[in-house]
Amino acid sequence: HVLDLAPTLLHIANSDIKSNYWFNGKNLWPFLVREKPQVELNDRLFYWRQSDIRAIREGDWKLIVEGDGLKNPELFNIEDDPLENHEIGDRYSEKRNQLLDLIREWEKENISEH
């Protein structure tokens, strides 16, 4: 992921700049030289915002919501449904609510109020 470029390049450059800045990405060097298993990369959350849309991915689960009120949540299992054709939030309401809570937590920690 593009967020991982800065931490990886800073590691390769043997830079200590990370102590002065916070990066949301992960240093991929251990994975590139096979010091760590690739599967470990998939065990993290991905969060993104674009215009009025927010989304979070945890493993095979992806939740998409609209606006500050996190309206119209749509849950998908992208392993089973990679094209996101079948919204399954009603069937997996506990997972939908867990991911909604994670979005709220991420925004509270990372998005400043204007």
N, C-alpha and C. Protein backbone atom coordinates (compact mmCIF):
# COMPACT_ATOMS: atom_id res chain seq x y z
N HIS A 1 0.84 -1.17 0.00
CA HIS A 1 0.00 0.00 0.00
C HIS A 1 0.88 1.23 0.00
N VAL A 2 0.40 2.32 -0.60
CA VAL A 2 1.18 3.54 -0.72
C VAL A 2 1.57 4.10 0.66
N LEU A 3 0.74 3.87 1.67
CA LEU A 3 1.07 4.36 3.02
C LEU A 3 2.33 3.71 3.57
N ASP A 4 2.70 2.57 3.02
CA ASP A 4 3.86 1.84 3.51
C ASP A 4 5.18 2.32 2.89
N LEU A 5 5.11 3.15 1.86
CA LEU A 5 6.33 3.56 1.18
C LEU A 5 7.26 4.37 2.08
N ALA A 6 6.75 5.39 2.76
CA ALA A 6 7.61 6.24 3.58
C ALA A 6 8.30 5.45 4.69
N PRO A 7 7.59 4.67 5.50
CA PRO A 7 8.29 3.92 6.54
C PRO A 7 9.31 2.92 5.97
N THR A 8 9.01 2.32 4.84
CA THR A 8 9.94 1.35 4.23
C THR A 8 11.19 2.05 3.72
N LEU A 9 11.01 3.15 2.99
CA LEU A 9 12.17 3.87 2.45
C LEU A 9 13.02 4.49 3.55
N LEU A 10 12.38 4.97 4.61
CA LEU A 10 13.14 5.52 5.73
C LEU A 10 13.96 4.43 6.42
N HIS A 11 13.41 3.23 6.51
CA HIS A 11 14.16 2.11 7.09
C HIS A 11 15.37 1.77 6.22
N ILE A 12 15.15 1.69 4.92
CA ILE A 12 16.25 1.37 4.00
C ILE A 12 17.34 2.43 4.07
N ALA A 13 16.95 3.69 4.21
CA ALA A 13 17.91 4.79 4.31
C ALA A 13 18.53 4.89 5.70
N ASN A 14 18.11 4.03 6.60
CA ASN A 14 18.62 4.02 7.97
C ASN A 14 18.39 5.38 8.64
N SER A 15 17.22 5.95 8.40
CA SER A 15 16.88 7.27 8.91
C SER A 15 16.20 7.16 10.27
N ASP A 16 16.44 8.15 11.12
CA ASP A 16 15.76 8.20 12.40
C ASP A 16 14.62 9.22 12.38
N ILE A 17 14.23 9.66 11.20
CA ILE A 17 13.18 10.66 11.08
C ILE A 17 11.86 10.18 11.66
N LYS A 18 11.64 8.88 11.69
CA LYS A 18 10.38 8.35 12.22
C LYS A 18 10.15 8.77 13.67
N SER A 19 11.22 9.00 14.40
CA SER A 19 11.04 9.42 15.78
C SER A 19 10.41 10.81 15.86
N ASN A 20 10.49 11.59 14.79
CA ASN A 20 9.92 12.94 14.78
C ASN A 20 8.56 13.02 14.09
N TYR A 21 8.20 11.99 13.34
CA TYR A 21 6.96 12.00 12.57
C TYR A 21 6.20 10.71 12.79
N TRP A 22 4.87 10.80 12.65
CA TRP A 22 4.02 9.63 12.79
C TRP A 22 3.57 9.20 11.40
N PHE A 23 3.73 7.92 11.10
CA PHE A 23 3.28 7.37 9.82
C PHE A 23 2.24 6.31 10.08
N ASN A 24 1.22 6.30 9.24
CA ASN A 24 0.16 5.31 9.37
C ASN A 24 0.54 3.99 8.71
N GLY A 25 1.57 4.01 7.88
CA GLY A 25 1.98 2.81 7.16
C GLY A 25 2.89 1.91 7.98
N LYS A 26 3.37 0.87 7.31
CA LYS A 26 4.20 -0.13 7.96
C LYS A 26 5.47 -0.34 7.15
N ASN A 27 6.58 -0.52 7.82
CA ASN A 27 7.84 -0.83 7.16
C ASN A 27 7.74 -2.23 6.55
N LEU A 28 7.81 -2.30 5.23
CA LEU A 28 7.66 -3.57 4.53
C LEU A 28 8.97 -4.33 4.33
N TRP A 29 10.08 -3.73 4.73
CA TRP A 29 11.37 -4.37 4.49
C TRP A 29 11.44 -5.81 5.00
N PRO A 30 11.01 -6.10 6.22
CA PRO A 30 11.08 -7.49 6.69
C PRO A 30 10.29 -8.46 5.82
N PHE A 31 9.25 -7.98 5.17
CA PHE A 31 8.47 -8.85 4.28
C PHE A 31 9.17 -9.01 2.93
N LEU A 32 9.81 -7.94 2.47
CA LEU A 32 10.50 -7.99 1.18
C LEU A 32 11.69 -8.93 1.21
N VAL A 33 12.37 -9.00 2.35
CA VAL A 33 13.54 -9.89 2.46
C VAL A 33 13.16 -11.20 3.15
N ARG A 34 11.87 -11.42 3.28
CA ARG A 34 11.30 -12.66 3.81
C ARG A 34 11.72 -12.98 5.25
N GLU A 35 11.90 -11.93 6.05
CA GLU A 35 12.15 -12.13 7.48
C GLU A 35 10.85 -12.38 8.23
N LYS A 36 9.73 -11.95 7.64
CA LYS A 36 8.42 -12.13 8.25
C LYS A 36 7.48 -12.75 7.21
N PRO A 37 6.52 -13.56 7.67
CA PRO A 37 5.59 -14.17 6.72
C PRO A 37 4.63 -13.15 6.11
N GLN A 38 4.34 -13.33 4.85
CA GLN A 38 3.44 -12.43 4.11
C GLN A 38 2.07 -12.33 4.76
N VAL A 39 1.62 -13.40 5.37
CA VAL A 39 0.28 -13.44 5.97
C VAL A 39 0.13 -12.36 7.04
N GLU A 40 1.21 -11.98 7.67
CA GLU A 40 1.16 -10.96 8.71
C GLU A 40 0.69 -9.61 8.16
N LEU A 41 0.95 -9.35 6.90
CA LEU A 41 0.52 -8.11 6.27
C LEU A 41 -1.00 -8.02 6.19
N ASN A 42 -1.65 -9.14 6.05
CA ASN A 42 -3.11 -9.16 5.91
C ASN A 42 -3.83 -9.04 7.24
N ASP A 43 -3.10 -9.03 8.33
CA ASP A 43 -3.71 -8.99 9.66
C ASP A 43 -3.87 -7.58 10.19
N ARG A 44 -3.90 -6.60 9.32
CA ARG A 44 -4.05 -5.23 9.78
C ARG A 44 -5.27 -4.58 9.16
N LEU A 45 -5.67 -3.49 9.77
CA LEU A 45 -6.84 -2.75 9.28
C LEU A 45 -6.41 -1.77 8.19
N PHE A 46 -7.26 -1.61 7.22
CA PHE A 46 -7.10 -0.56 6.23
C PHE A 46 -8.32 0.34 6.34
N TYR A 47 -8.07 1.64 6.42
CA TYR A 47 -9.14 2.61 6.53
C TYR A 47 -8.92 3.65 5.44
N TRP A 48 -9.98 4.09 4.79
CA TRP A 48 -9.83 5.18 3.84
C TRP A 48 -11.08 6.02 3.78
N ARG A 49 -10.85 7.28 3.37
CA ARG A 49 -11.91 8.28 3.18
C ARG A 49 -11.72 8.89 1.81
N GLN A 50 -12.80 9.02 1.09
CA GLN A 50 -12.75 9.72 -0.19
C GLN A 50 -14.06 10.46 -0.35
N SER A 51 -13.97 11.77 -0.45
CA SER A 51 -15.16 12.62 -0.48
C SER A 51 -16.01 12.31 0.74
N ASP A 52 -17.22 11.83 0.52
CA ASP A 52 -18.13 11.57 1.62
C ASP A 52 -18.20 10.08 1.97
N ILE A 53 -17.33 9.29 1.40
CA ILE A 53 -17.35 7.84 1.60
C ILE A 53 -16.19 7.44 2.52
N ARG A 54 -16.48 6.56 3.46
CA ARG A 54 -15.46 5.97 4.32
C ARG A 54 -15.55 4.46 4.15
N ALA A 55 -14.42 3.81 4.34
CA ALA A 55 -14.40 2.34 4.26
C ALA A 55 -13.32 1.81 5.18
N ILE A 56 -13.54 0.60 5.61
CA ILE A 56 -12.55 -0.08 6.44
C ILE A 56 -12.51 -1.54 6.00
N ARG A 57 -11.30 -2.08 6.00
CA ARG A 57 -11.14 -3.49 5.66
C ARG A 57 -10.37 -4.17 6.78
N GLU A 58 -10.89 -5.30 7.19
CA GLU A 58 -10.25 -6.14 8.20
C GLU A 58 -10.29 -7.57 7.66
N GLY A 59 -9.14 -8.08 7.26
CA GLY A 59 -9.11 -9.41 6.68
C GLY A 59 -9.97 -9.47 5.43
N ASP A 60 -10.91 -10.39 5.38
CA ASP A 60 -11.79 -10.54 4.22
C ASP A 60 -13.01 -9.62 4.29
N TRP A 61 -13.19 -8.89 5.38
CA TRP A 61 -14.38 -8.06 5.58
C TRP A 61 -14.11 -6.63 5.15
N LYS A 62 -15.08 -6.03 4.48
CA LYS A 62 -14.99 -4.63 4.07
C LYS A 62 -16.33 -3.96 4.35
N LEU A 63 -16.28 -2.80 5.02
CA LEU A 63 -17.48 -2.03 5.33
C LEU A 63 -17.34 -0.66 4.67
N ILE A 64 -18.37 -0.24 3.97
CA ILE A 64 -18.42 1.07 3.32
C ILE A 64 -19.58 1.85 3.92
N VAL A 65 -19.34 3.13 4.27
CA VAL A 65 -20.38 3.98 4.86
C VAL A 65 -20.33 5.36 4.20
N GLU A 66 -21.39 6.13 4.41
CA GLU A 66 -21.48 7.48 3.83
C GLU A 66 -21.51 8.53 4.93
N GLY A 67 -20.73 9.56 4.76
CA GLY A 67 -20.80 10.76 5.57
C GLY A 67 -20.38 10.63 7.02
N ASP A 68 -20.44 11.79 7.70
CA ASP A 68 -20.05 11.86 9.11
C ASP A 68 -20.94 11.00 9.99
N GLY A 69 -22.19 10.79 9.58
CA GLY A 69 -23.10 9.97 10.37
C GLY A 69 -22.94 8.48 10.11
N LEU A 70 -22.00 8.12 9.26
CA LEU A 70 -21.74 6.72 8.90
C LEU A 70 -23.03 6.03 8.46
N LYS A 71 -23.71 6.67 7.52
CA LYS A 71 -25.02 6.19 7.04
C LYS A 71 -24.85 5.10 5.99
N ASN A 72 -25.92 4.34 5.80
CA ASN A 72 -26.02 3.30 4.77
C ASN A 72 -24.84 2.33 4.78
N PRO A 73 -24.55 1.72 5.92
CA PRO A 73 -23.42 0.78 5.96
C PRO A 73 -23.64 -0.42 5.05
N GLU A 74 -22.62 -0.76 4.30
CA GLU A 74 -22.65 -1.92 3.41
C GLU A 74 -21.47 -2.81 3.75
N LEU A 75 -21.77 -4.05 4.11
CA LEU A 75 -20.75 -5.02 4.49
C LEU A 75 -20.58 -6.05 3.39
N PHE A 76 -19.32 -6.36 3.10
CA PHE A 76 -19.00 -7.36 2.09
C PHE A 76 -17.92 -8.29 2.61
N ASN A 77 -17.94 -9.52 2.15
CA ASN A 77 -16.83 -10.44 2.35
C ASN A 77 -16.14 -10.53 1.00
N ILE A 78 -15.00 -9.86 0.87
CA ILE A 78 -14.38 -9.75 -0.44
C ILE A 78 -13.66 -11.01 -0.90
N GLU A 79 -13.47 -11.96 0.01
CA GLU A 79 -12.96 -13.27 -0.41
C GLU A 79 -14.05 -14.02 -1.18
N ASP A 80 -15.27 -13.99 -0.64
CA ASP A 80 -16.39 -14.68 -1.28
C ASP A 80 -17.03 -13.85 -2.40
N ASP A 81 -16.92 -12.53 -2.31
CA ASP A 81 -17.60 -11.62 -3.24
C ASP A 81 -16.66 -10.48 -3.62
N PRO A 82 -15.62 -10.76 -4.42
CA PRO A 82 -14.61 -9.74 -4.72
C PRO A 82 -15.15 -8.52 -5.47
N LEU A 83 -16.27 -8.66 -6.16
CA LEU A 83 -16.84 -7.53 -6.90
C LEU A 83 -17.84 -6.73 -6.07
N GLU A 84 -18.03 -7.15 -4.81
CA GLU A 84 -18.92 -6.46 -3.87
C GLU A 84 -20.33 -6.31 -4.44
N ASN A 85 -20.89 -7.40 -4.91
CA ASN A 85 -22.24 -7.41 -5.47
C ASN A 85 -23.31 -7.74 -4.44
N HIS A 86 -22.93 -8.38 -3.32
CA HIS A 86 -23.91 -8.89 -2.36
C HIS A 86 -23.64 -8.32 -0.97
N GLU A 87 -24.44 -7.34 -0.58
CA GLU A 87 -24.32 -6.73 0.74
C GLU A 87 -24.87 -7.71 1.77
N ILE A 88 -24.09 -7.98 2.83
CA ILE A 88 -24.45 -9.03 3.79
C ILE A 88 -24.51 -8.52 5.23
N GLY A 89 -24.69 -7.22 5.40
CA GLY A 89 -24.70 -6.63 6.74
C GLY A 89 -25.80 -7.14 7.65
N ASP A 90 -26.98 -7.40 7.10
CA ASP A 90 -28.06 -7.91 7.93
C ASP A 90 -27.75 -9.31 8.44
N ARG A 91 -27.11 -10.10 7.62
CA ARG A 91 -26.77 -11.48 8.00
C ARG A 91 -25.62 -11.51 9.02
N TYR A 92 -24.72 -10.52 8.94
CA TYR A 92 -23.57 -10.46 9.83
C TYR A 92 -23.56 -9.13 10.58
N SER A 93 -24.65 -8.85 11.27
CA SER A 93 -24.80 -7.55 11.94
C SER A 93 -23.74 -7.31 13.02
N GLU A 94 -23.30 -8.37 13.69
CA GLU A 94 -22.27 -8.21 14.71
C GLU A 94 -20.96 -7.72 14.09
N LYS A 95 -20.57 -8.29 12.95
CA LYS A 95 -19.34 -7.86 12.25
C LYS A 95 -19.52 -6.43 11.73
N ARG A 96 -20.70 -6.12 11.19
CA ARG A 96 -20.98 -4.76 10.71
C ARG A 96 -20.82 -3.76 11.85
N ASN A 97 -21.38 -4.06 13.01
CA ASN A 97 -21.29 -3.14 14.15
C ASN A 97 -19.86 -3.03 14.66
N GLN A 98 -19.12 -4.13 14.65
CA GLN A 98 -17.72 -4.09 15.07
C GLN A 98 -16.91 -3.17 14.16
N LEU A 99 -17.12 -3.27 12.85
CA LEU A 99 -16.38 -2.43 11.91
C LEU A 99 -16.83 -0.97 12.00
N LEU A 100 -18.12 -0.73 12.25
CA LEU A 100 -18.58 0.64 12.47
C LEU A 100 -17.89 1.25 13.69
N ASP A 101 -17.77 0.48 14.75
CA ASP A 101 -17.06 0.97 15.94
C ASP A 101 -15.60 1.28 15.63
N LEU A 102 -14.97 0.45 14.81
CA LEU A 102 -13.57 0.70 14.44
C LEU A 102 -13.42 1.97 13.61
N ILE A 103 -14.39 2.23 12.72
CA ILE A 103 -14.34 3.48 11.96
C ILE A 103 -14.50 4.68 12.90
N ARG A 104 -15.45 4.60 13.82
CA ARG A 104 -15.65 5.69 14.79
C ARG A 104 -14.37 5.95 15.59
N GLU A 105 -13.77 4.87 16.06
CA GLU A 105 -12.54 4.98 16.85
C GLU A 105 -11.41 5.60 16.02
N TRP A 106 -11.25 5.14 14.79
CA TRP A 106 -10.18 5.68 13.93
C TRP A 106 -10.40 7.16 13.68
N GLU A 107 -11.64 7.55 13.38
CA GLU A 107 -11.90 8.97 13.10
C GLU A 107 -11.71 9.82 14.34
N LYS A 108 -12.08 9.31 15.49
CA LYS A 108 -11.90 10.06 16.74
C LYS A 108 -10.42 10.30 17.01
N GLU A 109 -9.59 9.33 16.72
CA GLU A 109 -8.15 9.44 16.97
C GLU A 109 -7.41 10.21 15.88
N ASN A 110 -7.93 10.23 14.65
CA ASN A 110 -7.13 10.74 13.52
C ASN A 110 -7.71 11.92 12.78
N ILE A 111 -8.99 12.23 12.93
CA ILE A 111 -9.61 13.31 12.21
C ILE A 111 -9.90 14.44 13.18
N SER A 112 -9.29 15.60 12.94
CA SER A 112 -9.51 16.73 13.85
C SER A 112 -10.79 17.45 13.48
N GLU A 113 -11.46 17.97 14.49
CA GLU A 113 -12.68 18.77 14.29
C GLU A 113 -12.28 20.17 13.81
N HIS A 114 -13.08 20.73 12.91
CA HIS A 114 -12.80 22.08 12.42
C HIS A 114 -13.64 23.09 13.16
